[in-house]
Amino acid sequence: VQLQASGGGLVQAGGSLRLSCAASGLTLDYYAIGWFRQAPGKEREGVSCISSVGNREYYGDSVKGRFTISRDTAKNTVYLQMNSLKPEDTAAYYCAVSGYRDFRRSCNIATGAQSEYDYWGQGTQVTVSS
């Protein structure tokens, strides 16, 4: 199984980026997918996730209303559309896949839930300048 995260870059505050998480070796539709981020010196933080049943979306408070997670079944890819970016969004962003049964209908991105994600991508850097 491989997860390839891409789409990061340097953007000015207020700008947008779309991150992609492409999978090989598994079908993303059957899994909950999470996006996480980690800034230097900080703990890894849950950003968003999408459940495998019903595609229910969840967002961290700091990104709610600005970020949108979605799936493209045909491309076996999950996206994170990030709008109105702020300097505090600067971090390495990681996608992860969970087959945890409880996440099928209601995924979770809390710190304690991260251990339920089975596969992780390599990360893509997002830098937002002020």
C-alpha atoms as a PDB file:
ATOM      1  CA  VAL A   1       0.000   0.000   0.000  1.00  0.00           C
ATOM      2  CA  GLN A   2       1.249   3.442  -0.915  1.00  0.00           C
ATOM      3  CA  LEU A   3      -0.255   6.844  -0.294  1.00  0.00           C
ATOM      4  CA  GLN A   4       1.107   9.715  -2.305  1.00  0.00           C
ATOM      5  CA  ALA A   5       0.314  13.164  -0.959  1.00  0.00           C
ATOM      6  CA  SER A   6       0.923  16.102  -3.261  1.00  0.00           C
ATOM      7  CA  GLY A   7      -0.178  19.636  -3.995  1.00  0.00           C
ATOM      8  CA  GLY A   8       1.662  21.523  -1.302  1.00  0.00           C
ATOM      9  CA  GLY A   9       3.592  24.685  -1.972  1.00  0.00           C
ATOM     10  CA  LEU A  10       4.149  28.285  -1.056  1.00  0.00           C
ATOM     11  CA  VAL A  11       1.136  30.563  -1.088  1.00  0.00           C
ATOM     12  CA  GLN A  12       0.282  33.991   0.258  1.00  0.00           C
ATOM     13  CA  ALA A  13      -2.186  34.411   3.079  1.00  0.00           C
ATOM     14  CA  GLY A  14      -5.707  34.343   1.735  1.00  0.00           C
ATOM     15  CA  GLY A  15      -4.760  32.020  -1.089  1.00  0.00           C
ATOM     16  CA  SER A  16      -5.794  28.462  -1.861  1.00  0.00           C
ATOM     17  CA  LEU A  17      -4.226  25.091  -2.427  1.00  0.00           C
ATOM     18  CA  ARG A  18      -5.643  21.676  -3.178  1.00  0.00           C
ATOM     19  CA  LEU A  19      -3.876  18.696  -1.722  1.00  0.00           C
ATOM     20  CA  SER A  20      -4.254  15.253  -3.253  1.00  0.00           C
ATOM     21  CA  CYS A  21      -3.816  11.844  -1.697  1.00  0.00           C
ATOM     22  CA  ALA A  22      -3.555   9.115  -4.300  1.00  0.00           C
ATOM     23  CA  ALA A  23      -3.530   5.493  -3.257  1.00  0.00           C
ATOM     24  CA  SER A  24      -2.152   2.328  -4.754  1.00  0.00           C
ATOM     25  CA  GLY A  25      -2.671  -1.122  -3.355  1.00  0.00           C
ATOM     26  CA  LEU A  26      -6.070  -0.401  -1.879  1.00  0.00           C
ATOM     27  CA  THR A  27      -9.393   1.160  -2.789  1.00  0.00           C
ATOM     28  CA  LEU A  28      -9.903   4.335  -0.819  1.00  0.00           C
ATOM     29  CA  ASP A  29     -13.686   4.079  -0.975  1.00  0.00           C
ATOM     30  CA  TYR A  30     -13.576   1.307   1.605  1.00  0.00           C
ATOM     31  CA  TYR A  31     -11.651   3.310   4.155  1.00  0.00           C
ATOM     32  CA  ALA A  32     -11.904   6.414   6.244  1.00  0.00           C
ATOM     33  CA  ILE A  33      -9.335   8.951   5.142  1.00  0.00           C
ATOM     34  CA  GLY A  34      -7.786  11.559   7.355  1.00  0.00           C
ATOM     35  CA  TRP A  35      -5.652  14.608   6.753  1.00  0.00           C
ATOM     36  CA  PHE A  36      -3.228  15.632   9.466  1.00  0.00           C
ATOM     37  CA  ARG A  37      -0.583  18.293   9.737  1.00  0.00           C
ATOM     38  CA  GLN A  38       2.511  18.900  11.770  1.00  0.00           C
ATOM     39  CA  ALA A  39       4.358  22.157  12.158  1.00  0.00           C
ATOM     40  CA  PRO A  40       7.949  22.261  13.473  1.00  0.00           C
ATOM     41  CA  GLY A  41       8.017  21.869  17.230  1.00  0.00           C
ATOM     42  CA  LYS A  42       4.329  21.035  17.442  1.00  0.00           C
ATOM     43  CA  GLU A  43       2.332  17.857  17.810  1.00  0.00           C
ATOM     44  CA  ARG A  44       0.628  16.334  14.824  1.00  0.00           C
ATOM     45  CA  GLU A  45      -2.867  17.782  14.507  1.00  0.00           C
ATOM     46  CA  GLY A  46      -5.970  16.353  12.901  1.00  0.00           C
ATOM     47  CA  VAL A  47      -7.276  18.544  10.076  1.00  0.00           C
ATOM     48  CA  SER A  48     -10.123  16.633   8.480  1.00  0.00           C
ATOM     49  CA  CYS A  49     -11.462  13.184   7.764  1.00  0.00           C
ATOM     50  CA  ILE A  50     -14.116  11.543   5.633  1.00  0.00           C
ATOM     51  CA  SER A  51     -15.896   8.340   6.573  1.00  0.00           C
ATOM     52  CA  SER A  52     -16.234   5.385   4.243  1.00  0.00           C
ATOM     53  CA  VAL A  53     -20.007   5.037   4.721  1.00  0.00           C
ATOM     54  CA  GLY A  54     -21.949   8.087   3.681  1.00  0.00           C
ATOM     55  CA  ASN A  55     -18.822  10.185   3.157  1.00  0.00           C
ATOM     56  CA  ARG A  56     -19.423  12.106   6.353  1.00  0.00           C
ATOM     57  CA  GLU A  57     -16.925  14.906   6.762  1.00  0.00           C
ATOM     58  CA  TYR A  58     -15.257  16.178   9.907  1.00  0.00           C
ATOM     59  CA  TYR A  59     -13.041  19.167  10.416  1.00  0.00           C
ATOM     60  CA  GLY A  60     -10.798  20.534  13.079  1.00  0.00           C
ATOM     61  CA  ASP A  61     -12.021  23.783  14.594  1.00  0.00           C
ATOM     62  CA  SER A  62      -9.118  25.738  13.163  1.00  0.00           C
ATOM     63  CA  VAL A  63      -9.998  24.864   9.558  1.00  0.00           C
ATOM     64  CA  LYS A  64     -13.763  24.592   9.691  1.00  0.00           C
ATOM     65  CA  GLY A  65     -15.371  26.686   6.982  1.00  0.00           C
ATOM     66  CA  ARG A  66     -12.117  27.046   5.043  1.00  0.00           C
ATOM     67  CA  PHE A  67     -11.114  23.482   4.138  1.00  0.00           C
ATOM     68  CA  THR A  68     -13.116  20.839   2.301  1.00  0.00           C
ATOM     69  CA  ILE A  69     -12.348  17.146   2.019  1.00  0.00           C
ATOM     70  CA  SER A  70     -13.662  15.080  -0.875  1.00  0.00           C
ATOM     71  CA  ARG A  71     -13.201  11.797  -2.715  1.00  0.00           C
ATOM     72  CA  ASP A  72     -12.808  10.982  -6.383  1.00  0.00           C
ATOM     73  CA  THR A  73     -13.694   7.329  -6.698  1.00  0.00           C
ATOM     74  CA  ALA A  74     -12.611   7.025 -10.311  1.00  0.00           C
ATOM     75  CA  LYS A  75      -9.154   8.361  -9.500  1.00  0.00           C
ATOM     76  CA  ASN A  76      -8.875   6.571  -6.151  1.00  0.00           C
ATOM     77  CA  THR A  77      -7.863   9.915  -4.699  1.00  0.00           C
ATOM     78  CA  VAL A  78      -8.920  12.078  -1.785  1.00  0.00           C
ATOM     79  CA  TYR A  79      -8.558  15.848  -1.889  1.00  0.00           C
ATOM     80  CA  LEU A  80      -8.245  18.589   0.649  1.00  0.00           C
ATOM     81  CA  GLN A  81      -9.275  21.948  -0.754  1.00  0.00           C
ATOM     82  CA  MET A  82      -7.787  24.672   1.397  1.00  0.00           C
ATOM     83  CA  ASN A  83      -9.090  28.206   1.031  1.00  0.00           C
ATOM     84  CA  SER A  84      -8.426  31.432   2.912  1.00  0.00           C
ATOM     85  CA  LEU A  85      -5.099  30.085   4.027  1.00  0.00           C
ATOM     86  CA  LYS A  86      -3.414  31.631   7.035  1.00  0.00           C
ATOM     87  CA  PRO A  87       0.241  31.623   8.126  1.00  0.00           C
ATOM     88  CA  GLU A  88      -0.733  29.316  10.981  1.00  0.00           C
ATOM     89  CA  ASP A  89      -1.728  26.686   8.410  1.00  0.00           C
ATOM     90  CA  THR A  90       1.944  26.272   7.569  1.00  0.00           C
ATOM     91  CA  ALA A  91       2.878  22.649   8.192  1.00  0.00           C
ATOM     92  CA  ALA A  92       3.651  19.335   6.587  1.00  0.00           C
ATOM     93  CA  TYR A  93       0.351  17.735   5.633  1.00  0.00           C
ATOM     94  CA  TYR A  94      -0.159  13.984   5.715  1.00  0.00           C
ATOM     95  CA  CYS A  95      -2.967  11.792   4.506  1.00  0.00           C
ATOM     96  CA  ALA A  96      -3.765   8.541   6.243  1.00  0.00           C
ATOM     97  CA  VAL A  97      -6.087   5.595   5.780  1.00  0.00           C
ATOM     98  CA  SER A  98      -8.053   3.820   8.461  1.00  0.00           C
ATOM     99  CA  GLY A  99      -9.842   0.507   8.260  1.00  0.00           C
ATOM    100  CA  TYR A 100     -10.997   0.851  11.852  1.00  0.00           C
ATOM    101  CA  ARG A 101     -14.550  -0.355  12.070  1.00  0.00           C
ATOM    102  CA  ASP A 102     -15.789   2.539  14.207  1.00  0.00           C
ATOM    103  CA  PHE A 103     -14.573   5.051  11.620  1.00  0.00           C
ATOM    104  CA  ARG A 104     -16.690   3.663   8.836  1.00  0.00           C
ATOM    105  CA  ARG A 105     -19.643   5.873   9.676  1.00  0.00           C
ATOM    106  CA  SER A 106     -17.966   8.422  11.922  1.00  0.00           C
ATOM    107  CA  CYS A 107     -14.288   9.036  11.476  1.00  0.00           C
ATOM    108  CA  ASN A 108     -12.145  10.753  14.075  1.00  0.00           C
ATOM    109  CA  ILE A 109      -9.071  12.958  13.880  1.00  0.00           C
ATOM    110  CA  ALA A 110      -8.441  13.473  17.568  1.00  0.00           C
ATOM    111  CA  THR A 111      -4.898  12.914  18.788  1.00  0.00           C
ATOM    112  CA  GLY A 112      -5.887   9.702  20.523  1.00  0.00           C
ATOM    113  CA  ALA A 113      -7.485   8.381  17.346  1.00  0.00           C
ATOM    114  CA  GLN A 114      -4.410   8.710  15.175  1.00  0.00           C
ATOM    115  CA  SER A 115      -3.231   5.244  16.137  1.00  0.00           C
ATOM    116  CA  GLU A 116      -6.262   3.845  14.307  1.00  0.00           C
ATOM    117  CA  TYR A 117      -4.910   5.028  10.984  1.00  0.00           C
ATOM    118  CA  ASP A 118      -3.125   2.141   9.331  1.00  0.00           C
ATOM    119  CA  TYR A 119      -1.258   3.719   6.437  1.00  0.00           C
ATOM    120  CA  TRP A 120       0.307   7.152   6.136  1.00  0.00           C
ATOM    121  CA  GLY A 121       1.545   9.128   3.176  1.00  0.00           C
ATOM    122  CA  GLN A 122       4.910  10.857   3.095  1.00  0.00           C
ATOM    123  CA  GLY A 123       3.653  14.374   3.621  1.00  0.00           C
ATOM    124  CA  THR A 124       3.520  17.487   1.499  1.00  0.00           C
ATOM    125  CA  GLN A 125       4.705  20.879   2.743  1.00  0.00           C
ATOM    126  CA  VAL A 126       2.360  23.841   2.836  1.00  0.00           C
ATOM    127  CA  THR A 127       3.860  27.238   3.556  1.00  0.00           C
ATOM    128  CA  VAL A 128       1.663  30.289   3.889  1.00  0.00           C
ATOM    129  CA  SER A 129       3.382  33.660   3.863  1.00  0.00           C
ATOM    130  CA  SER A 130       1.923  36.719   5.535  1.00  0.00           C
END
